[in-house]
Amino acid sequence: MLDFPLDTLLARPVLAAGPRIAVLVPCRNEALAIAKVVADFRAALPDATVYVYDNGSADRTAAIARAAGAVVRGEDLPGKGNVVRRMFADIEADIFVLVDGDDTYDAEAAPAMVQRLCCGQLDMVSAARVADARGAYRAGHRLGNAVLTGMVRFLFGDRVSDVLSGYRVFSRRFVKSFPALATGFETETEFTVHALELRMPIAELPAAYRARPVGTASKLRTYADGWRILRAIVALLKQERPLAFFAALGGLLFLLGAALGLPVIATYLQSGLVPRLPTAVLATGIELLGGLCVLCGLVLDSVARGRKEMKRLAYLSIPALPAQCCPPQC
C-alpha cells in the first residue's frame, strides 16, 4: 500500500478532482478469478475506475465483473493486443493501470507503482515479477521469459528485467501516443521497445506473482506465443534499427560469399584458370546481395529516424502529468 494517504496523492491544484486513475483489465473466460481481481483493485485504489474488457468469453466473466463493480466493455477481435488497443483508444484518464484478469498479480503493489510514476514523473512503471511458488511459472514460461528478455535487453537496452510483465502503470502521455499494432501477447514487448527507443523515463518495481486460481487455465501457449513474441522482437529490430538488422544480414551474406569464392580465387591464383565458374558466379551474386542489404539498411535507417522523430513529437504533444500530483515528501 502507499506510504501516505491516497487522497494526498490525488489532491493537486492543477487537476482539482485529482488525477483520474483507470484500472484496465483485459480478460477472456476468467469467471473464477475476475471478481477477486476487481475487488482487490477497488480496495487498493479506491478512487480508480476499474474497466474490464471482455474478449469474447464463453462463460459469465462479464456478468461477474459487472456485479463486482467494474465498468464492463467488450472487444470482438481476439487477442490481448487487440483489447489493449481498444482500451487505450476508448478510455480517458491521467494514469492507467494495466493488469491481467487471472488474479496472478498483487493489487497491493498498485499504489506504490502509481506513487513511483507520479513522484518520478515517469511514463511507465512495470512490475518485475517475483514468483511466490514454483507453480506460478511453468518451466517453459520461465525459460522463454529469460531468453526473450535477454534478447530485448541486448538489442534495445538493459533498462528492464521483465519484458513480458502484464502488470504496468502508464502515464496518459504514453497511452495516447503509443502506436499499438500488436494483436496478441507480443503487446508487452511493444510497450517495452517503444519506451526504450524513445528513451522515456521508466522504472520497475518488484511485485508478487502467484499461481492462477485452481480451475483456471492460462491463455498463453508456451511455444506458439513464444515464437510469436520472438518474431515480434525481430520485426521491431527491423523497424526501429534497420541498419543493424540489414548490416547483420549483409555480413552473413558476405561470409557465405567469401566461403564459396575464396577457394575459386585460390585456384585462379595458382593456375590462372576458373574451373568452377558456376560457383564463382554464385559467390559474386551473394556478395552483391550482401552489399545491397547494407545499402537498404542505410536508406531505411534514415526513414526510421524520421519515424522516431514523428513519434517523439506525438509524445511531446501530450502534456506530462504535473508534479503537483506527488506529495512533497517524494
Protein backbone atom coordinates (compact mmCIF):
# COMPACT_ATOMS: atom_id res chain seq x y z
CA MET A 1 0.00 0.00 0.00
CA LEU A 2 1.00 3.65 -0.29
CA ASP A 3 3.19 5.10 2.47
CA PHE A 4 0.92 8.15 2.53
CA PRO A 5 -2.87 8.56 2.27
CA LEU A 6 -4.13 8.14 -1.28
CA ASP A 7 -6.16 11.34 -1.02
CA THR A 8 -2.86 13.20 -0.55
CA LEU A 9 -1.70 11.88 -3.91
CA LEU A 10 -4.96 12.81 -5.55
CA ALA A 11 -5.16 16.34 -4.12
CA ARG A 12 -3.46 18.71 -6.53
CA PRO A 13 -4.46 22.16 -7.77
CA VAL A 14 -3.91 21.59 -11.49
CA LEU A 15 -6.35 18.69 -11.60
CA ALA A 16 -8.84 19.82 -8.97
CA ALA A 17 -10.53 16.44 -8.67
CA GLY A 18 -7.20 14.63 -8.58
CA PRO A 19 -5.67 12.55 -11.36
CA ARG A 20 -8.13 10.14 -12.89
CA ILE A 21 -6.89 6.58 -12.44
CA ALA A 22 -8.21 3.82 -14.70
CA VAL A 23 -7.52 0.15 -14.00
CA LEU A 24 -7.64 -1.73 -17.30
CA VAL A 25 -8.32 -5.47 -17.15
CA PRO A 26 -8.35 -7.39 -20.45
CA CYS A 27 -9.70 -10.88 -19.97
CA ARG A 28 -11.34 -13.89 -21.56
CA ASN A 29 -13.02 -16.74 -19.71
CA GLU A 30 -11.92 -15.61 -16.24
CA ALA A 31 -15.20 -16.15 -14.38
CA LEU A 32 -13.42 -17.83 -11.45
CA ALA A 33 -10.90 -15.01 -10.94
CA ILE A 34 -12.36 -11.73 -12.16
CA ALA A 35 -14.49 -10.90 -9.10
CA LYS A 36 -11.44 -11.04 -6.80
CA VAL A 37 -9.34 -9.01 -9.25
CA VAL A 38 -11.96 -6.25 -9.39
CA ALA A 39 -12.50 -6.27 -5.62
CA ASP A 40 -8.75 -6.19 -4.87
CA PHE A 41 -8.05 -3.24 -7.16
CA ARG A 42 -11.09 -1.30 -5.95
CA ALA A 43 -9.72 -1.75 -2.42
CA ALA A 44 -6.12 -0.87 -3.33
CA LEU A 45 -7.09 2.15 -5.48
CA PRO A 46 -10.47 3.28 -4.10
CA ASP A 47 -10.65 6.38 -6.30
CA ALA A 48 -9.90 4.50 -9.50
CA THR A 49 -12.39 3.22 -12.06
CA VAL A 50 -11.95 -0.44 -12.94
CA TYR A 51 -12.63 -1.30 -16.58
CA VAL A 52 -12.98 -4.92 -17.60
CA TYR A 53 -12.80 -5.60 -21.34
CA ASP A 54 -14.28 -8.98 -22.17
CA ASN A 55 -12.62 -10.59 -25.18
CA GLY A 56 -15.37 -12.95 -26.31
CA SER A 57 -15.73 -15.00 -23.13
CA ALA A 58 -17.88 -18.12 -23.27
CA ASP A 59 -18.53 -18.02 -19.51
CA ARG A 60 -20.04 -15.41 -17.16
CA THR A 61 -16.91 -13.24 -16.93
CA ALA A 62 -18.70 -10.04 -17.99
CA ALA A 63 -21.68 -10.50 -15.66
CA ILE A 64 -19.49 -11.34 -12.67
CA ALA A 65 -17.20 -8.37 -13.30
CA ARG A 66 -20.19 -6.03 -13.57
CA ALA A 67 -21.63 -7.38 -10.31
CA ALA A 68 -18.24 -6.82 -8.64
CA GLY A 69 -18.38 -3.11 -9.53
CA ALA A 70 -16.38 -2.88 -12.74
CA VAL A 71 -17.30 -0.98 -15.87
CA VAL A 72 -17.60 -3.77 -18.43
CA ARG A 73 -17.00 -3.36 -22.13
CA GLY A 74 -16.12 -5.74 -24.93
CA GLU A 75 -13.78 -6.28 -27.86
CA ASP A 76 -14.69 -8.83 -30.51
CA LEU A 77 -11.27 -9.13 -32.18
CA PRO A 78 -9.46 -11.97 -30.37
CA GLY A 79 -6.09 -11.36 -28.78
CA LYS A 80 -4.72 -9.29 -25.93
CA GLY A 81 -3.10 -6.77 -28.27
CA ASN A 82 -6.46 -6.02 -29.89
CA VAL A 83 -8.04 -5.47 -26.48
CA VAL A 84 -5.21 -3.19 -25.33
CA ARG A 85 -5.51 -1.09 -28.50
CA ARG A 86 -9.25 -0.67 -27.91
CA MET A 87 -8.81 0.23 -24.24
CA PHE A 88 -6.10 2.77 -24.94
CA ALA A 89 -8.28 4.40 -27.60
CA ASP A 90 -11.55 4.46 -25.65
CA ILE A 91 -10.65 5.28 -22.06
CA GLU A 92 -9.71 8.74 -20.84
CA ALA A 93 -7.65 9.03 -17.66
CA ASP A 94 -4.44 10.55 -16.33
CA ILE A 95 -2.94 7.31 -15.01
CA PHE A 96 -3.58 3.86 -16.46
CA VAL A 97 -3.01 0.62 -14.55
CA LEU A 98 -2.93 -2.41 -16.86
CA VAL A 99 -3.26 -5.85 -15.29
CA ASP A 100 -4.34 -9.32 -16.37
CA GLY A 101 -7.66 -10.68 -15.15
CA ASP A 102 -6.33 -14.02 -13.94
CA ASP A 103 -5.52 -12.97 -10.34
CA THR A 104 -1.81 -13.72 -10.67
CA TYR A 105 -0.70 -10.15 -9.84
CA ASP A 106 -0.83 -8.49 -6.44
CA ALA A 107 -3.19 -5.49 -6.33
CA GLU A 108 -1.42 -4.16 -3.23
CA ALA A 109 1.56 -3.24 -5.42
CA ALA A 110 -0.56 -0.83 -7.50
CA PRO A 111 -0.49 2.19 -5.13
CA ALA A 112 3.31 2.05 -4.88
CA MET A 113 3.57 1.81 -8.67
CA VAL A 114 1.25 4.81 -9.06
CA GLN A 115 3.29 6.71 -6.48
CA ARG A 116 6.52 5.90 -8.33
CA LEU A 117 5.02 7.09 -11.62
CA CYS A 118 3.85 10.37 -10.13
CA CYS A 119 6.85 11.17 -7.96
CA GLY A 120 9.31 10.44 -10.74
CA GLN A 121 7.11 11.97 -13.45
CA LEU A 122 7.61 8.73 -15.35
CA ASP A 123 5.76 7.31 -18.32
CA MET A 124 5.82 3.61 -17.43
CA VAL A 125 6.34 1.59 -14.28
CA SER A 126 6.49 -2.18 -14.77
CA ALA A 127 6.05 -4.89 -12.18
CA ALA A 128 9.09 -7.16 -12.14
CA ARG A 129 7.51 -10.45 -11.20
CA VAL A 130 8.67 -12.24 -8.08
CA ALA A 131 7.12 -15.71 -8.02
CA ASP A 132 5.95 -16.93 -4.63
CA ALA A 133 5.69 -20.57 -5.73
CA ARG A 134 7.14 -22.74 -8.47
CA GLY A 135 3.63 -23.25 -9.79
CA ALA A 136 3.35 -19.58 -10.67
CA TYR A 137 5.82 -20.03 -13.52
CA ARG A 138 5.75 -23.09 -15.72
CA ALA A 139 9.27 -24.22 -16.64
CA GLY A 140 8.75 -23.31 -20.30
CA HIS A 141 7.41 -19.87 -19.39
CA ARG A 142 10.34 -19.17 -17.08
CA LEU A 143 12.90 -20.16 -19.73
CA GLY A 144 11.07 -18.31 -22.51
CA ASN A 145 10.79 -15.14 -20.45
CA ALA A 146 14.51 -15.24 -19.64
CA VAL A 147 15.51 -15.77 -23.29
CA LEU A 148 13.17 -13.14 -24.72
CA THR A 149 14.00 -10.60 -22.03
CA GLY A 150 17.69 -11.19 -22.66
CA MET A 151 17.21 -10.55 -26.37
CA VAL A 152 15.39 -7.26 -25.79
CA ARG A 153 18.00 -6.13 -23.26
CA PHE A 154 20.80 -6.92 -25.71
CA LEU A 155 19.15 -5.36 -28.77
CA PHE A 156 17.37 -2.32 -27.31
CA GLY A 157 18.90 -1.56 -23.90
CA ASP A 158 19.19 -3.14 -20.46
CA ARG A 159 16.80 -0.87 -18.56
CA VAL A 160 14.24 -3.64 -17.98
CA SER A 161 14.43 -7.03 -16.30
CA ASP A 162 10.96 -8.45 -17.11
CA VAL A 163 9.91 -7.58 -20.64
CA LEU A 164 6.80 -9.76 -20.63
CA SER A 165 5.22 -8.50 -17.41
CA GLY A 166 1.50 -7.89 -17.85
CA TYR A 167 1.26 -5.53 -14.86
CA ARG A 168 2.15 -1.93 -15.68
CA VAL A 169 1.25 1.65 -14.86
CA PHE A 170 1.30 4.21 -17.68
CA SER A 171 1.01 7.96 -17.97
CA ARG A 172 -1.60 9.42 -20.27
CA ARG A 173 1.23 10.74 -22.42
CA PHE A 174 2.42 7.17 -23.05
CA VAL A 175 -1.01 5.66 -23.68
CA LYS A 176 -2.28 8.30 -26.08
CA SER A 177 0.91 8.37 -28.16
CA PHE A 178 1.54 4.61 -28.23
CA PRO A 179 1.10 3.14 -31.76
CA ALA A 180 -0.46 -0.16 -30.71
CA LEU A 181 -0.03 -2.63 -33.57
CA ALA A 182 0.24 -6.00 -31.83
CA THR A 183 -2.70 -8.37 -31.80
CA GLY A 184 -1.64 -10.89 -29.14
CA PHE A 185 0.67 -11.36 -26.17
CA GLU A 186 3.50 -9.59 -28.00
CA THR A 187 1.92 -6.31 -26.93
CA GLU A 188 4.10 -6.26 -23.77
CA THR A 189 7.20 -6.40 -25.97
CA GLU A 190 5.84 -3.44 -27.95
CA PHE A 191 5.38 -1.44 -24.73
CA THR A 192 8.96 -2.03 -23.69
CA VAL A 193 10.64 -1.40 -27.04
CA HIS A 194 8.55 1.75 -27.62
CA ALA A 195 9.66 3.17 -24.27
CA LEU A 196 13.30 2.20 -24.78
CA GLU A 197 13.55 3.56 -28.31
CA LEU A 198 12.06 6.94 -27.32
CA ARG A 199 14.20 6.97 -24.16
CA MET A 200 11.19 7.59 -21.95
CA PRO A 201 11.58 7.84 -18.18
CA ILE A 202 10.59 4.38 -16.90
CA ALA A 203 11.09 2.23 -13.82
CA GLU A 204 10.44 -1.23 -12.42
CA LEU A 205 9.20 -2.31 -9.01
CA PRO A 206 9.17 -5.87 -7.70
CA ALA A 207 5.70 -7.37 -7.29
CA ALA A 208 4.47 -10.75 -6.15
CA TYR A 209 3.40 -13.16 -8.87
CA ARG A 210 1.31 -16.14 -7.84
CA ALA A 211 -0.18 -19.21 -9.44
CA ARG A 212 -3.53 -18.95 -11.18
CA PRO A 213 -6.64 -19.93 -9.18
CA VAL A 214 -7.47 -23.61 -9.21
CA GLY A 215 -9.75 -24.50 -12.09
CA THR A 216 -8.46 -21.80 -14.46
CA ALA A 217 -6.07 -22.22 -17.38
CA SER A 218 -3.51 -19.88 -18.90
CA LYS A 219 -4.25 -18.46 -22.35
CA LEU A 220 -0.52 -18.22 -23.08
CA ARG A 221 0.68 -21.07 -25.31
CA THR A 222 4.32 -21.63 -24.43
CA TYR A 223 5.72 -22.46 -27.86
CA ALA A 224 3.24 -20.79 -30.22
CA ASP A 225 3.16 -17.49 -28.34
CA GLY A 226 6.87 -17.67 -27.60
CA TRP A 227 7.57 -17.96 -31.32
CA ARG A 228 5.15 -15.11 -31.96
CA ILE A 229 6.93 -12.87 -29.47
CA LEU A 230 10.29 -13.81 -30.98
CA ARG A 231 9.05 -12.80 -34.43
CA ALA A 232 7.78 -9.53 -32.94
CA ILE A 233 11.25 -8.78 -31.50
CA VAL A 234 12.87 -9.41 -34.89
CA ALA A 235 10.23 -7.27 -36.64
CA LEU A 236 10.75 -4.44 -34.13
CA LEU A 237 14.51 -4.64 -34.66
CA LYS A 238 13.98 -4.34 -38.43
CA GLN A 239 11.61 -1.38 -37.98
CA GLU A 240 13.43 0.51 -35.25
CA ARG A 241 17.06 -0.29 -36.11
CA PRO A 242 17.13 -1.27 -39.78
CA LEU A 243 20.83 -0.52 -40.24
CA ALA A 244 21.80 -3.03 -37.54
CA PHE A 245 19.33 -5.60 -38.92
CA PHE A 246 20.36 -5.36 -42.57
CA ALA A 247 24.06 -4.92 -41.77
CA ALA A 248 23.96 -8.19 -39.83
CA LEU A 249 22.15 -9.88 -42.72
CA GLY A 250 24.64 -8.40 -45.19
CA GLY A 251 27.55 -9.59 -43.04
CA LEU A 252 26.21 -13.14 -43.10
CA LEU A 253 25.89 -12.97 -46.88
CA PHE A 254 29.44 -11.61 -47.20
CA LEU A 255 30.74 -14.53 -45.12
CA LEU A 256 28.80 -17.04 -47.19
CA GLY A 257 30.03 -15.48 -50.43
CA ALA A 258 33.60 -15.50 -49.13
CA ALA A 259 33.35 -19.16 -48.14
CA LEU A 260 32.26 -20.04 -51.68
CA GLY A 261 34.54 -17.62 -53.52
CA LEU A 262 37.89 -17.86 -51.73
CA PRO A 263 38.65 -21.41 -52.95
CA VAL A 264 37.87 -20.26 -56.51
CA ILE A 265 40.22 -17.29 -56.11
CA ALA A 266 42.95 -19.54 -54.68
CA THR A 267 42.63 -21.89 -57.66
CA TYR A 268 42.83 -18.96 -60.06
CA LEU A 269 45.96 -17.58 -58.39
CA GLN A 270 47.64 -20.97 -58.64
CA SER A 271 46.63 -21.99 -62.16
CA GLY A 272 45.22 -18.88 -63.82
CA LEU A 273 42.02 -20.82 -64.55
CA VAL A 274 38.48 -20.69 -63.17
CA PRO A 275 37.27 -24.31 -63.47
CA ARG A 276 34.35 -23.74 -61.11
CA LEU A 277 32.67 -20.90 -62.98
CA PRO A 278 29.12 -21.50 -61.59
CA THR A 279 30.50 -21.30 -58.05
CA ALA A 280 32.31 -18.07 -58.90
CA VAL A 281 29.12 -16.56 -60.32
CA LEU A 282 27.13 -17.67 -57.27
CA ALA A 283 29.71 -16.20 -54.86
CA THR A 284 29.71 -12.91 -56.77
CA GLY A 285 25.92 -12.74 -56.67
CA ILE A 286 25.85 -13.40 -52.92
CA GLU A 287 28.45 -10.70 -52.29
CA LEU A 288 26.42 -8.21 -54.35
CA LEU A 289 23.29 -9.16 -52.43
CA GLY A 290 25.15 -8.53 -49.16
CA GLY A 291 26.14 -5.08 -50.41
CA LEU A 292 22.51 -4.34 -51.35
CA CYS A 293 21.42 -5.33 -47.83
CA VAL A 294 23.81 -2.84 -46.27
CA LEU A 295 22.65 -0.15 -48.71
CA CYS A 296 19.00 -0.87 -47.85
CA GLY A 297 19.90 -0.60 -44.18
CA LEU A 298 21.44 2.83 -44.70
CA VAL A 299 18.36 4.11 -46.57
CA LEU A 300 15.86 2.62 -44.13
CA ASP A 301 17.84 3.96 -41.18
CA SER A 302 17.07 7.48 -42.36
CA VAL A 303 13.40 6.56 -42.73
CA ALA A 304 13.35 5.03 -39.24
CA ARG A 305 14.92 8.17 -37.78
CA GLY A 306 12.14 10.26 -39.36
CA ARG A 307 9.51 7.91 -37.92
CA LYS A 308 11.13 8.13 -34.50
CA GLU A 309 11.10 11.92 -34.67
CA MET A 310 7.38 11.87 -35.52
CA LYS A 311 6.64 9.53 -32.63
CA ARG A 312 8.62 11.76 -30.32
CA LEU A 313 6.67 14.83 -31.46
CA ALA A 314 3.37 12.97 -30.93
CA TYR A 315 4.56 12.03 -27.45
CA LEU A 316 5.56 15.61 -26.61
CA SER A 317 2.24 16.99 -27.88
CA ILE A 318 0.50 15.44 -24.84
CA PRO A 319 1.06 17.24 -21.50
CA ALA A 320 3.00 15.40 -18.83
CA LEU A 321 1.43 14.55 -15.51
CA PRO A 322 2.04 17.63 -13.28
CA ALA A 323 4.47 17.26 -10.42
CA GLN A 324 1.77 18.56 -8.06
CA CYS A 325 0.15 15.14 -8.06
CA CYS A 326 3.06 13.88 -5.97
CA PRO A 327 3.21 14.55 -2.23
CA PRO A 328 6.02 16.85 -1.03
CA GLN A 329 7.88 14.07 0.79
CA CYS A 330 8.71 12.43 -2.52
